[in-house]
């Protein structure tokens, strides 16, 4: 008999990658130039996690998906207008900075507090999903710390596939070094999964799903708790764009060993 899961997805928004991002130093620390003016999109890693959660909920009737997100309310509303048409979920909004310069531990604490505040949460049926990495908070540590704060010790990072077994257990396909996967079996919840790319395409827009979601999205944004992520103890010596450099030369009849030695020498000069 299928289990009715409670699936909490953690994710944030990031500047549209088609925009030019220029780091600057401000009185409060590093930031992006005109950051509040940049159009935002859902973090692609979080997007994979959300789509996988919706697919799991669809396969198990009675399941529910919550999407917990930190970001400025105006930006969250902009992104939700698009994401709400993809899959059904209930938004739990936190009004705070979505900057990539925030401290992962502070973001994790805010996310864990919001998850603990979800009414009727049953950890024996709980999956916590999120991105293995992030296009902004790319430390790969936020979801791990969320799990620790929630007391979830069964954690899987770099997940590409989740398969629920008839007896209620589940198998996880997890990326490891060398282009290989590790298969893990788990017999009980709660569990936390940091998703890589998964196997699902982006769902098409569904206006009916969008209208249903927006009934809860707007009230969630209106009552979003405002928080500050001060980054205490965090310091940046400087912020700048990566240097663009291209040195090209054409040489014939070089051996692979000679090419490799030259590349190593070039890297050593950087």
Protein backbone atom coordinates (compact mmCIF):
# COMPACT_ATOMS: atom_id res chain seq x y z
CA UNK A 1 0.00 0.00 0.00
CA UNK A 2 1.49 3.41 -0.97
CA UNK A 3 2.63 5.67 1.86
CA UNK A 4 1.33 9.23 2.15
CA UNK A 5 4.59 11.15 2.42
CA UNK A 6 5.27 14.60 3.77
CA UNK A 7 7.92 16.15 1.52
CA UNK A 8 9.61 19.41 2.42
CA UNK A 9 11.72 21.01 -0.31
CA UNK A 10 14.27 23.69 0.56
CA UNK A 11 15.27 26.10 -2.20
CA UNK A 12 16.03 29.67 -3.00
CA UNK A 13 16.13 32.03 -5.92
CA UNK A 14 19.15 33.23 -7.86
CA UNK A 15 19.79 35.98 -10.42
CA UNK A 16 18.93 35.02 -13.98
CA UNK A 17 22.16 33.52 -15.39
CA UNK A 18 21.66 35.44 -18.64
CA UNK A 19 22.38 38.67 -16.75
CA UNK A 20 25.82 40.17 -16.21
CA UNK A 21 26.76 39.71 -12.55
CA UNK A 22 29.27 42.17 -11.14
CA UNK A 23 30.43 41.76 -7.51
CA UNK A 24 30.87 44.93 -5.47
CA UNK A 25 31.87 45.75 -1.91
CA UNK A 26 29.23 47.57 0.15
CA UNK A 27 29.26 48.92 3.74
CA UNK A 28 27.50 45.73 4.86
CA UNK A 29 29.77 43.39 2.93
CA UNK A 30 30.06 41.98 -0.60
CA UNK A 31 27.04 41.97 -2.90
CA UNK A 32 26.10 42.05 -6.57
CA UNK A 33 25.80 45.37 -8.37
CA UNK A 34 22.12 46.34 -8.69
CA UNK A 35 21.19 42.98 -7.14
CA UNK A 36 17.58 43.95 -6.37
CA UNK A 37 17.09 45.04 -9.98
CA UNK A 38 18.25 41.74 -11.47
CA UNK A 39 15.50 39.33 -12.61
CA UNK A 40 15.46 36.14 -10.53
CA UNK A 41 14.82 32.47 -11.25
CA UNK A 42 14.49 29.38 -9.08
CA UNK A 43 17.85 27.88 -8.19
CA UNK A 44 18.24 25.05 -10.75
CA UNK A 45 19.41 22.55 -8.10
CA UNK A 46 16.33 23.32 -6.00
CA UNK A 47 14.23 23.00 -9.14
CA UNK A 48 15.31 19.39 -9.62
CA UNK A 49 14.47 18.67 -5.97
CA UNK A 50 11.02 20.26 -6.30
CA UNK A 51 10.15 18.35 -9.47
CA UNK A 52 11.29 15.06 -7.93
CA UNK A 53 9.20 15.79 -4.83
CA UNK A 54 6.11 16.49 -6.91
CA UNK A 55 6.63 13.26 -8.86
CA UNK A 56 6.97 11.25 -5.65
CA UNK A 57 3.82 12.84 -4.23
CA UNK A 58 1.91 12.09 -7.43
CA UNK A 59 2.87 8.42 -7.22
CA UNK A 60 1.75 8.19 -3.58
CA UNK A 61 -1.78 9.54 -3.10
CA UNK A 62 -2.29 11.60 0.04
CA UNK A 63 1.26 12.95 -0.02
CA UNK A 64 1.92 16.68 0.32
CA UNK A 65 4.77 18.95 -0.77
CA UNK A 66 5.91 22.09 1.05
CA UNK A 67 8.41 24.48 -0.52
CA UNK A 68 10.47 26.42 2.05
CA UNK A 69 12.36 29.36 0.62
CA UNK A 70 14.42 32.32 1.83
CA UNK A 71 14.40 35.45 -0.28
CA UNK A 72 13.13 39.03 -0.52
CA UNK A 73 9.33 38.92 -0.69
CA UNK A 74 9.17 40.87 -3.95
CA UNK A 75 11.61 38.48 -5.62
CA UNK A 76 9.86 35.41 -4.22
CA UNK A 77 6.55 36.64 -5.61
CA UNK A 78 8.15 37.17 -9.04
CA UNK A 79 9.58 33.64 -9.12
CA UNK A 80 6.44 32.01 -7.70
CA UNK A 81 4.37 33.39 -10.56
CA UNK A 82 6.30 31.00 -12.80
CA UNK A 83 7.09 28.06 -10.53
CA UNK A 84 3.54 27.81 -9.18
CA UNK A 85 2.38 26.69 -12.62
CA UNK A 86 4.74 23.71 -12.67
CA UNK A 87 3.79 21.48 -9.73
CA UNK A 88 1.42 21.64 -6.71
CA UNK A 89 2.98 22.70 -3.39
CA UNK A 90 2.39 24.86 -0.33
CA UNK A 91 4.83 27.75 0.09
CA UNK A 92 6.55 28.53 3.39
CA UNK A 93 8.22 31.89 2.76
CA UNK A 94 11.00 33.53 4.76
CA UNK A 95 11.68 37.20 4.03
CA UNK A 96 15.48 37.47 3.98
CA UNK A 97 18.54 37.74 1.82
CA UNK A 98 19.03 35.28 -1.03
CA UNK A 99 22.56 36.53 -1.63
CA UNK A 100 25.30 34.03 -2.35
CA UNK A 101 27.45 35.85 0.22
CA UNK A 102 25.33 34.74 3.19
CA UNK A 103 26.62 32.18 5.67
CA UNK A 104 25.35 28.63 5.04
CA UNK A 105 24.91 27.88 8.76
CA UNK A 106 22.63 30.90 9.23
CA UNK A 107 20.51 29.95 6.22
CA UNK A 108 20.29 26.37 7.52
CA UNK A 109 19.13 27.55 10.95
CA UNK A 110 16.36 29.66 9.41
CA UNK A 111 15.23 26.81 7.14
CA UNK A 112 15.20 24.27 9.99
CA UNK A 113 13.15 26.63 12.19
CA UNK A 114 10.61 27.11 9.40
CA UNK A 115 10.34 23.36 8.82
CA UNK A 116 9.81 22.70 12.53
CA UNK A 117 7.04 25.30 12.43
CA UNK A 118 4.97 23.41 9.83
CA UNK A 119 1.78 22.29 11.56
CA UNK A 120 1.15 18.55 11.77
CA UNK A 121 4.58 17.51 10.51
CA UNK A 122 5.12 13.77 11.07
CA UNK A 123 8.80 12.84 10.90
CA UNK A 124 7.99 9.17 10.42
CA UNK A 125 6.67 10.14 6.96
CA UNK A 126 9.10 12.98 6.27
CA UNK A 127 11.39 13.46 3.30
CA UNK A 128 13.47 16.66 3.21
CA UNK A 129 14.64 17.50 -0.31
CA UNK A 130 17.00 20.20 -1.49
CA UNK A 131 19.76 20.90 -3.94
CA UNK A 132 23.03 19.05 -3.50
CA UNK A 133 24.69 22.32 -4.51
CA UNK A 134 23.39 25.80 -5.26
CA UNK A 135 23.91 28.41 -7.93
CA UNK A 136 24.38 30.97 -5.17
CA UNK A 137 25.10 29.21 -1.87
CA UNK A 138 27.49 26.79 -3.59
CA UNK A 139 29.21 25.48 -0.46
CA UNK A 140 27.25 22.22 -0.61
CA UNK A 141 26.79 22.45 3.17
CA UNK A 142 23.41 24.07 3.75
CA UNK A 143 21.25 20.96 3.37
CA UNK A 144 23.56 18.89 5.56
CA UNK A 145 23.23 21.43 8.37
CA UNK A 146 19.46 21.59 7.91
CA UNK A 147 19.34 17.82 8.43
CA UNK A 148 21.52 17.97 11.53
CA UNK A 149 19.32 20.67 13.08
CA UNK A 150 16.24 18.54 12.39
CA UNK A 151 17.89 15.46 13.89
CA UNK A 152 17.93 13.63 10.54
CA UNK A 153 20.98 11.38 10.33
CA UNK A 154 20.03 9.46 7.18
CA UNK A 155 21.35 11.89 4.59
CA UNK A 156 22.20 11.33 0.93
CA UNK A 157 23.99 13.91 -1.20
CA UNK A 158 24.31 13.97 -4.98
CA UNK A 159 21.13 11.95 -5.49
CA UNK A 160 20.08 11.08 -9.03
CA UNK A 161 17.26 8.61 -8.32
CA UNK A 162 14.90 7.60 -5.53
CA UNK A 163 12.97 4.33 -5.78
CA UNK A 164 10.30 3.44 -3.22
CA UNK A 165 9.90 -0.30 -2.64
CA UNK A 166 6.56 -2.10 -2.04
CA UNK A 167 7.44 -2.72 1.62
CA UNK A 168 7.90 1.02 2.27
CA UNK A 169 11.70 1.01 2.16
CA UNK A 170 13.50 2.96 -0.51
CA UNK A 171 16.68 2.87 -2.55
CA UNK A 172 18.82 5.90 -3.34
CA UNK A 173 21.17 6.27 -6.30
CA UNK A 174 23.91 8.60 -5.07
CA UNK A 175 26.86 10.03 -7.00
CA UNK A 176 30.36 9.16 -5.84
CA UNK A 177 33.83 9.74 -7.26
CA UNK A 178 34.96 8.34 -10.56
CA UNK A 179 31.67 8.82 -12.39
CA UNK A 180 30.08 6.00 -10.42
CA UNK A 181 26.94 5.67 -8.29
CA UNK A 182 26.43 4.21 -4.86
CA UNK A 183 23.17 2.37 -4.16
CA UNK A 184 21.88 2.73 -0.61
CA UNK A 185 18.84 1.14 1.02
CA UNK A 186 16.89 2.76 3.84
CA UNK A 187 14.03 1.16 5.76
CA UNK A 188 12.56 4.09 7.68
CA UNK A 189 12.06 7.84 7.59
CA UNK A 190 12.95 10.65 8.13
CA UNK A 191 15.59 11.08 5.45
CA UNK A 192 17.24 14.02 3.72
CA UNK A 193 18.17 13.98 0.04
CA UNK A 194 20.38 16.54 -1.64
CA UNK A 195 19.49 16.21 -5.32
CA UNK A 196 21.86 16.46 -8.26
CA UNK A 197 20.15 16.54 -11.66
CA UNK A 198 17.73 13.66 -11.16
CA UNK A 199 16.03 12.08 -14.16
CA UNK A 200 12.94 14.24 -14.70
CA UNK A 201 12.39 16.98 -17.27
CA UNK A 202 10.97 20.33 -16.22
CA UNK A 203 7.17 19.99 -16.06
CA UNK A 204 5.11 22.04 -18.52
CA UNK A 205 3.11 25.01 -17.30
CA UNK A 206 -0.36 24.18 -16.03
CA UNK A 207 -2.54 27.27 -15.39
CA UNK A 208 -4.94 25.27 -13.22
CA UNK A 209 -2.12 24.18 -10.92
CA UNK A 210 -0.93 27.79 -10.88
CA UNK A 211 -4.30 29.14 -9.78
CA UNK A 212 -4.56 26.48 -7.06
CA UNK A 213 -1.07 27.25 -5.76
CA UNK A 214 -1.53 31.01 -5.77
CA UNK A 215 -4.38 30.68 -3.26
CA UNK A 216 -1.76 29.76 -0.66
CA UNK A 217 1.31 31.51 -2.14
CA UNK A 218 0.04 35.06 -1.66
CA UNK A 219 -1.04 34.58 1.99
CA UNK A 220 2.30 32.85 2.68
CA UNK A 221 4.19 35.83 1.27
CA UNK A 222 2.11 38.28 3.29
CA UNK A 223 2.88 36.53 6.58
CA UNK A 224 6.51 35.70 5.74
CA UNK A 225 8.76 36.12 8.76
CA UNK A 226 11.49 38.72 8.24
CA UNK A 227 14.99 37.56 9.22
CA UNK A 228 18.52 38.91 8.99
CA UNK A 229 21.51 36.80 8.02
CA UNK A 230 24.31 39.03 9.34
CA UNK A 231 27.17 36.66 8.64
CA UNK A 232 28.80 37.19 12.02
CA UNK A 233 32.45 36.22 11.90
CA UNK A 234 32.42 36.05 8.10
CA UNK A 235 34.86 38.32 6.25
CA UNK A 236 35.79 38.77 2.58
CA UNK A 237 39.17 40.21 1.61
CA UNK A 238 37.89 41.14 -1.86
CA UNK A 239 35.31 40.27 -4.48
CA UNK A 240 35.91 40.40 -8.23
CA UNK A 241 35.05 38.71 -11.49
CA UNK A 242 37.22 35.80 -12.67
CA UNK A 243 39.93 36.93 -15.04
CA UNK A 244 39.38 36.12 -18.68
CA UNK A 245 42.55 34.98 -20.38
CA UNK A 246 43.26 33.15 -23.59
CA UNK A 247 46.71 32.22 -24.87
CA UNK A 248 46.62 30.26 -28.11
CA UNK A 249 49.42 28.72 -30.10
CA UNK A 250 49.46 26.07 -32.81
CA UNK A 251 52.16 23.40 -32.60
CA UNK A 252 52.35 20.27 -34.70
CA UNK A 253 53.62 16.80 -33.79
CA UNK A 254 53.77 17.24 -29.99
CA UNK A 255 53.49 14.05 -27.95
CA UNK A 256 50.70 13.70 -25.35
CA UNK A 257 53.30 13.74 -22.58
CA UNK A 258 54.77 16.98 -23.85
CA UNK A 259 51.31 18.58 -24.10
CA UNK A 260 50.46 17.47 -20.56
CA UNK A 261 53.78 18.81 -19.21
CA UNK A 262 53.17 22.18 -20.86
CA UNK A 263 49.64 22.40 -19.42
CA UNK A 264 50.95 21.61 -15.94
CA UNK A 265 53.64 24.27 -16.31
CA UNK A 266 51.04 26.83 -17.47
CA UNK A 267 48.75 26.05 -14.52
CA UNK A 268 51.66 26.39 -12.11
CA UNK A 269 52.20 29.97 -13.23
CA UNK A 270 48.67 31.03 -12.30
